[in-house]
């Protein structure tokens, strides 16, 4: 292989196909025919003298050489996109866009953002919330904070906060009647549920060996943040998650009636294309995040 770069159209076709594992989907993204994509890929492999793709069932898969090349090509196009974005905003600093989940934003990130702004007043942060996974190739997103098992291939992934789940309630509820001294006492109290974590109470009760409590009874909320606010108001007992209730516990708005914790496999992660962290603003936000979770 010579040092001369191959045709950029072929590299672009390869970059898109490597994400979709299908020529048809790549053709739709590039707004060309499947035949055109196939020709570009064939020309690229001929120029390189290396097979980057192989047929697999009805789709295609990367060869070992293709898997080696793909992240470098993706990073190069990420840098090109970043450069083009700067051309469209001459003299104006591009906002740093961070995507996360609504409850995490409300209960953990937003209360801390003032600290980031004090440290980096030159960086404008735009925060967006969504349950959908970010498509970094099409969405105007620099960094994402997501909840899961950390399995987001081809992206830079760093664990931020591991989580336990445990009951939380208001101090008034704890001091009131009926008593709330042991997990079995939950049978006389309202359980607060979150739709996206609707099995949490059943898992916690089973995991702690608690019997006689109806895991399906109580009030239900769309957001964990709303369930936490209901617990603060004395409406019942919620299952707190480490990253979402720590500030309310520290401020005395919530208490832990019995410290019986159940660890979860999932955690909050910082997710972004590796090339993004070569830019100053995303790198600054990432370093700030890591310093916050280390406290």
Protein backbone atom coordinates (compact mmCIF):
# COMPACT_ATOMS: atom_id res chain seq x y z
CA UNK A 1 0.00 0.00 0.00
CA UNK A 2 1.34 3.42 -0.94
CA UNK A 3 1.22 6.43 1.37
CA UNK A 4 -1.26 8.15 -0.97
CA UNK A 5 -4.74 8.27 0.53
CA UNK A 6 -7.38 6.27 -1.35
CA UNK A 7 -10.47 7.87 -2.86
CA UNK A 8 -12.44 9.71 -0.15
CA UNK A 9 -15.78 8.55 -1.55
CA UNK A 10 -14.70 4.98 -0.95
CA UNK A 11 -13.56 5.76 2.57
CA UNK A 12 -16.86 7.50 3.29
CA UNK A 13 -18.82 4.51 1.95
CA UNK A 14 -16.71 2.18 4.09
CA UNK A 15 -17.24 4.32 7.21
CA UNK A 16 -21.03 4.25 6.80
CA UNK A 17 -21.19 0.55 5.91
CA UNK A 18 -19.00 -0.30 8.93
CA UNK A 19 -21.67 1.24 11.19
CA UNK A 20 -24.69 -0.39 9.53
CA UNK A 21 -23.24 -3.76 8.44
CA UNK A 22 -25.49 -3.43 5.39
CA UNK A 23 -25.10 -1.82 1.97
CA UNK A 24 -28.80 -0.89 1.75
CA UNK A 25 -28.82 1.14 4.95
CA UNK A 26 -25.55 2.81 3.96
CA UNK A 27 -26.99 3.75 0.57
CA UNK A 28 -30.00 5.37 2.22
CA UNK A 29 -27.77 7.42 4.55
CA UNK A 30 -25.54 8.52 1.67
CA UNK A 31 -28.55 9.11 -0.61
CA UNK A 32 -27.07 7.02 -3.44
CA UNK A 33 -27.89 3.63 -4.94
CA UNK A 34 -26.70 0.34 -3.48
CA UNK A 35 -24.80 -0.26 -6.71
CA UNK A 36 -22.90 2.99 -6.25
CA UNK A 37 -21.93 2.01 -2.70
CA UNK A 38 -20.80 -1.43 -3.85
CA UNK A 39 -18.66 0.10 -6.61
CA UNK A 40 -17.06 2.55 -4.17
CA UNK A 41 -16.25 -0.26 -1.75
CA UNK A 42 -14.82 -2.45 -4.52
CA UNK A 43 -12.64 0.43 -5.76
CA UNK A 44 -11.41 1.15 -2.22
CA UNK A 45 -10.43 -2.48 -1.60
CA UNK A 46 -8.72 -2.63 -4.98
CA UNK A 47 -6.73 0.52 -4.19
CA UNK A 48 -5.68 -0.85 -0.82
CA UNK A 49 -5.12 -4.39 -1.99
CA UNK A 50 -6.88 -5.61 1.15
CA UNK A 51 -10.31 -7.13 1.77
CA UNK A 52 -12.14 -4.98 4.32
CA UNK A 53 -15.56 -6.65 4.10
CA UNK A 54 -16.98 -10.13 3.62
CA UNK A 55 -20.47 -11.39 3.00
CA UNK A 56 -22.33 -12.81 6.02
CA UNK A 57 -25.82 -14.14 5.41
CA UNK A 58 -27.85 -11.37 3.79
CA UNK A 59 -25.54 -8.69 5.13
CA UNK A 60 -21.83 -8.02 5.32
CA UNK A 61 -19.26 -8.07 8.10
CA UNK A 62 -15.88 -6.47 8.61
CA UNK A 63 -12.75 -8.54 8.13
CA UNK A 64 -9.96 -8.24 10.68
CA UNK A 65 -8.38 -5.56 8.48
CA UNK A 66 -11.73 -3.76 8.29
CA UNK A 67 -12.13 -3.80 12.08
CA UNK A 68 -8.64 -2.30 12.39
CA UNK A 69 -9.32 0.48 9.90
CA UNK A 70 -12.91 1.39 10.82
CA UNK A 71 -12.32 3.39 14.06
CA UNK A 72 -9.56 5.44 12.40
CA UNK A 73 -11.74 6.31 9.42
CA UNK A 74 -14.66 7.16 11.73
CA UNK A 75 -12.45 9.42 13.84
CA UNK A 76 -11.15 11.19 10.74
CA UNK A 77 -14.67 11.97 9.50
CA UNK A 78 -15.67 13.12 13.01
CA UNK A 79 -12.81 15.61 12.88
CA UNK A 80 -13.87 16.78 9.41
CA UNK A 81 -17.42 17.34 10.65
CA UNK A 82 -16.13 19.29 13.63
CA UNK A 83 -14.01 21.46 11.36
CA UNK A 84 -16.91 22.15 9.01
CA UNK A 85 -19.10 23.13 11.96
CA UNK A 86 -16.52 25.76 12.94
CA UNK A 87 -16.56 27.19 9.41
CA UNK A 88 -20.29 27.82 9.68
CA UNK A 89 -19.83 29.78 12.93
CA UNK A 90 -16.77 31.98 12.36
CA UNK A 91 -15.64 33.79 15.46
CA UNK A 92 -18.29 32.09 17.60
CA UNK A 93 -17.53 29.28 20.03
CA UNK A 94 -19.69 26.23 19.46
CA UNK A 95 -21.84 25.22 22.47
CA UNK A 96 -20.96 21.96 24.16
CA UNK A 97 -24.03 19.72 23.87
CA UNK A 98 -24.57 17.03 26.50
CA UNK A 99 -27.38 14.47 26.33
CA UNK A 100 -28.60 12.52 29.35
CA UNK A 101 -31.69 11.14 31.07
CA UNK A 102 -34.21 13.52 32.59
CA UNK A 103 -34.02 12.25 36.18
CA UNK A 104 -30.23 12.15 36.17
CA UNK A 105 -30.16 15.70 34.84
CA UNK A 106 -32.60 16.95 37.49
CA UNK A 107 -31.21 15.14 40.52
CA UNK A 108 -27.48 14.92 39.80
CA UNK A 109 -26.14 16.92 36.86
CA UNK A 110 -28.02 20.23 36.94
CA UNK A 111 -27.30 20.97 40.63
CA UNK A 112 -23.58 20.62 39.87
CA UNK A 113 -23.39 22.52 36.57
CA UNK A 114 -22.75 25.84 38.27
CA UNK A 115 -19.44 24.39 39.45
CA UNK A 116 -18.45 23.57 35.88
CA UNK A 117 -19.41 27.08 34.70
CA UNK A 118 -17.30 28.64 37.45
CA UNK A 119 -14.33 26.55 36.38
CA UNK A 120 -14.92 27.05 32.63
CA UNK A 121 -16.89 30.27 32.03
CA UNK A 122 -15.73 30.27 28.41
CA UNK A 123 -17.70 27.09 27.61
CA UNK A 124 -21.44 27.30 26.94
CA UNK A 125 -23.20 24.05 27.86
CA UNK A 126 -26.43 22.98 26.15
CA UNK A 127 -28.16 20.17 28.04
CA UNK A 128 -30.71 17.94 26.33
CA UNK A 129 -32.63 15.01 27.82
CA UNK A 130 -33.94 11.93 26.05
CA UNK A 131 -34.58 8.23 26.58
CA UNK A 132 -33.33 7.52 23.05
CA UNK A 133 -29.77 6.43 22.36
CA UNK A 134 -27.67 9.13 20.73
CA UNK A 135 -26.62 8.80 17.09
CA UNK A 136 -23.40 10.79 17.19
CA UNK A 137 -23.14 10.76 13.40
CA UNK A 138 -26.41 12.62 12.93
CA UNK A 139 -27.39 14.23 16.24
CA UNK A 140 -25.68 17.45 17.27
CA UNK A 141 -24.40 15.85 20.49
CA UNK A 142 -20.86 15.95 21.87
CA UNK A 143 -21.21 13.81 25.00
CA UNK A 144 -23.89 11.52 26.41
CA UNK A 145 -24.46 10.21 29.92
CA UNK A 146 -26.37 6.97 29.70
CA UNK A 147 -27.60 4.25 32.08
CA UNK A 148 -26.89 0.64 31.22
CA UNK A 149 -24.26 -2.09 31.18
CA UNK A 150 -21.64 -0.07 29.31
CA UNK A 151 -21.88 -2.08 26.09
CA UNK A 152 -21.81 0.61 23.42
CA UNK A 153 -19.38 -0.67 20.75
CA UNK A 154 -17.07 1.66 18.79
CA UNK A 155 -17.52 4.45 21.36
CA UNK A 156 -15.41 5.72 24.25
CA UNK A 157 -17.18 4.53 27.42
CA UNK A 158 -16.26 5.40 31.03
CA UNK A 159 -18.17 4.37 34.15
CA UNK A 160 -19.29 7.32 36.25
CA UNK A 161 -21.56 6.04 39.02
CA UNK A 162 -22.35 2.48 40.07
CA UNK A 163 -25.73 2.10 41.73
CA UNK A 164 -27.39 0.39 44.66
CA UNK A 165 -31.15 0.54 45.26
CA UNK A 166 -32.56 1.03 48.76
CA UNK A 167 -35.77 2.44 50.33
CA UNK A 168 -35.96 6.17 51.08
CA UNK A 169 -38.70 8.27 52.66
CA UNK A 170 -39.29 11.62 54.32
CA UNK A 171 -38.17 12.10 57.96
CA UNK A 172 -41.81 12.79 58.90
CA UNK A 173 -42.97 9.48 57.46
CA UNK A 174 -40.25 7.64 59.36
CA UNK A 175 -41.28 9.27 62.63
CA UNK A 176 -45.02 8.76 62.08
CA UNK A 177 -47.56 5.99 62.45
CA UNK A 178 -47.65 3.20 61.32
CA UNK A 179 -44.03 2.38 62.23
CA UNK A 180 -41.29 1.86 59.66
CA UNK A 181 -38.58 0.01 61.52
CA UNK A 182 -38.10 -3.18 59.48
CA UNK A 183 -38.65 -4.07 55.79
CA UNK A 184 -41.80 -6.02 56.78
CA UNK A 185 -43.36 -2.72 57.93
CA UNK A 186 -43.53 -1.65 54.27
CA UNK A 187 -46.77 -3.66 54.04
CA UNK A 188 -48.52 -0.78 55.85
CA UNK A 189 -47.03 1.96 53.63
CA UNK A 190 -47.48 3.17 50.06
CA UNK A 191 -44.78 2.00 47.66
CA UNK A 192 -43.70 4.52 45.00
CA UNK A 193 -42.84 2.96 41.65
CA UNK A 194 -41.06 4.21 38.50
CA UNK A 195 -42.37 2.88 35.19
CA UNK A 196 -38.92 2.36 33.67
CA UNK A 197 -37.82 0.44 36.78
CA UNK A 198 -41.13 -1.29 37.45
CA UNK A 199 -39.53 -4.50 38.76
CA UNK A 200 -37.32 -2.73 41.32
CA UNK A 201 -39.55 -3.29 44.34
CA UNK A 202 -40.04 -6.97 43.51
CA UNK A 203 -36.28 -7.39 43.06
CA UNK A 204 -35.47 -5.56 46.30
CA UNK A 205 -38.06 -7.44 48.37
CA UNK A 206 -36.94 -10.79 46.95
CA UNK A 207 -33.26 -9.96 47.24
CA UNK A 208 -33.63 -8.96 50.88
CA UNK A 209 -35.85 -11.91 51.79
CA UNK A 210 -38.79 -9.66 52.74
CA UNK A 211 -42.20 -11.37 52.75
CA UNK A 212 -45.75 -10.17 53.20
CA UNK A 213 -45.34 -6.98 51.13
CA UNK A 214 -47.32 -6.55 47.89
CA UNK A 215 -44.60 -5.49 45.43
CA UNK A 216 -47.17 -4.35 42.86
CA UNK A 217 -49.19 -1.99 45.03
CA UNK A 218 -48.75 1.77 45.35
CA UNK A 219 -48.31 4.83 43.13
CA UNK A 220 -46.57 4.90 39.75
CA UNK A 221 -44.56 7.68 38.11
CA UNK A 222 -43.00 8.18 34.69
CA UNK A 223 -39.77 9.63 36.10
CA UNK A 224 -37.53 8.59 38.97
CA UNK A 225 -37.16 12.27 39.89
CA UNK A 226 -40.94 12.57 40.34
CA UNK A 227 -41.07 9.49 42.56
CA UNK A 228 -38.26 10.94 44.68
CA UNK A 229 -40.14 14.24 45.07
CA UNK A 230 -43.24 12.30 46.12
CA UNK A 231 -41.17 10.54 48.77
CA UNK A 232 -39.84 13.89 49.99
CA UNK A 233 -43.45 15.12 50.29
CA UNK A 234 -44.37 12.09 52.44
CA UNK A 235 -46.51 10.29 49.86
CA UNK A 236 -44.82 6.96 50.43
CA UNK A 237 -41.56 5.03 50.26
CA UNK A 238 -39.48 5.11 47.07
CA UNK A 239 -36.54 3.00 46.03
CA UNK A 240 -33.62 5.38 45.90
CA UNK A 241 -30.72 4.99 43.51
CA UNK A 242 -27.26 6.08 44.58
CA UNK A 243 -26.77 8.80 41.98
CA UNK A 244 -30.26 10.25 42.30
CA UNK A 245 -30.83 10.64 46.04
CA UNK A 246 -27.46 11.50 47.55
CA UNK A 247 -28.08 15.25 47.67
CA UNK A 248 -31.53 14.84 49.21
CA UNK A 249 -30.10 12.48 51.82
CA UNK A 250 -27.28 14.89 52.64
CA UNK A 251 -29.78 17.77 52.99
CA UNK A 252 -32.09 15.75 55.24
CA UNK A 253 -35.00 15.83 52.83
CA UNK A 254 -34.86 12.04 52.66
CA UNK A 255 -33.78 9.38 55.12
CA UNK A 256 -32.98 5.68 54.77
CA UNK A 257 -35.37 3.78 57.08
CA UNK A 258 -33.32 0.57 57.00
CA UNK A 259 -30.02 0.45 55.21
CA UNK A 260 -30.49 -2.74 53.26
CA UNK A 261 -28.96 -2.15 49.83
CA UNK A 262 -29.26 -4.20 46.68
CA UNK A 263 -26.48 -3.66 44.10
CA UNK A 264 -27.45 -3.32 40.44
CA UNK A 265 -25.49 -4.46 37.42
CA UNK A 266 -26.19 -1.24 35.53
CA UNK A 267 -24.45 2.10 36.07
CA UNK A 268 -24.21 5.60 34.62
CA UNK A 269 -21.60 5.95 31.88
CA UNK A 270 -20.03 8.75 29.88
CA UNK A 271 -20.36 7.82 26.21
CA UNK A 272 -18.81 9.65 23.24
CA UNK A 273 -16.82 9.05 20.05
CA UNK A 274 -13.14 8.72 20.98
CA UNK A 275 -12.19 11.53 18.59
CA UNK A 276 -14.46 13.97 20.44
CA UNK A 277 -12.24 13.87 23.52
CA UNK A 278 -9.35 15.29 21.48
CA UNK A 279 -11.26 18.58 21.47
CA UNK A 280 -10.69 20.94 24.38
CA UNK A 281 -14.28 21.58 25.49
CA UNK A 282 -15.50 17.95 25.64
CA UNK A 283 -12.24 16.95 27.33
CA UNK A 284 -12.76 19.67 29.96
CA UNK A 285 -16.32 18.49 30.65
CA UNK A 286 -15.18 14.87 30.89
CA UNK A 287 -12.41 15.75 33.36
CA UNK A 288 -14.86 17.77 35.45
CA UNK A 289 -17.35 14.88 35.51
CA UNK A 290 -14.69 12.45 36.69
CA UNK A 291 -13.63 14.85 39.43
CA UNK A 292 -17.25 15.16 40.60
CA UNK A 293 -17.88 11.42 40.82
CA UNK A 294 -14.57 10.92 42.64
CA UNK A 295 -15.70 13.16 45.54
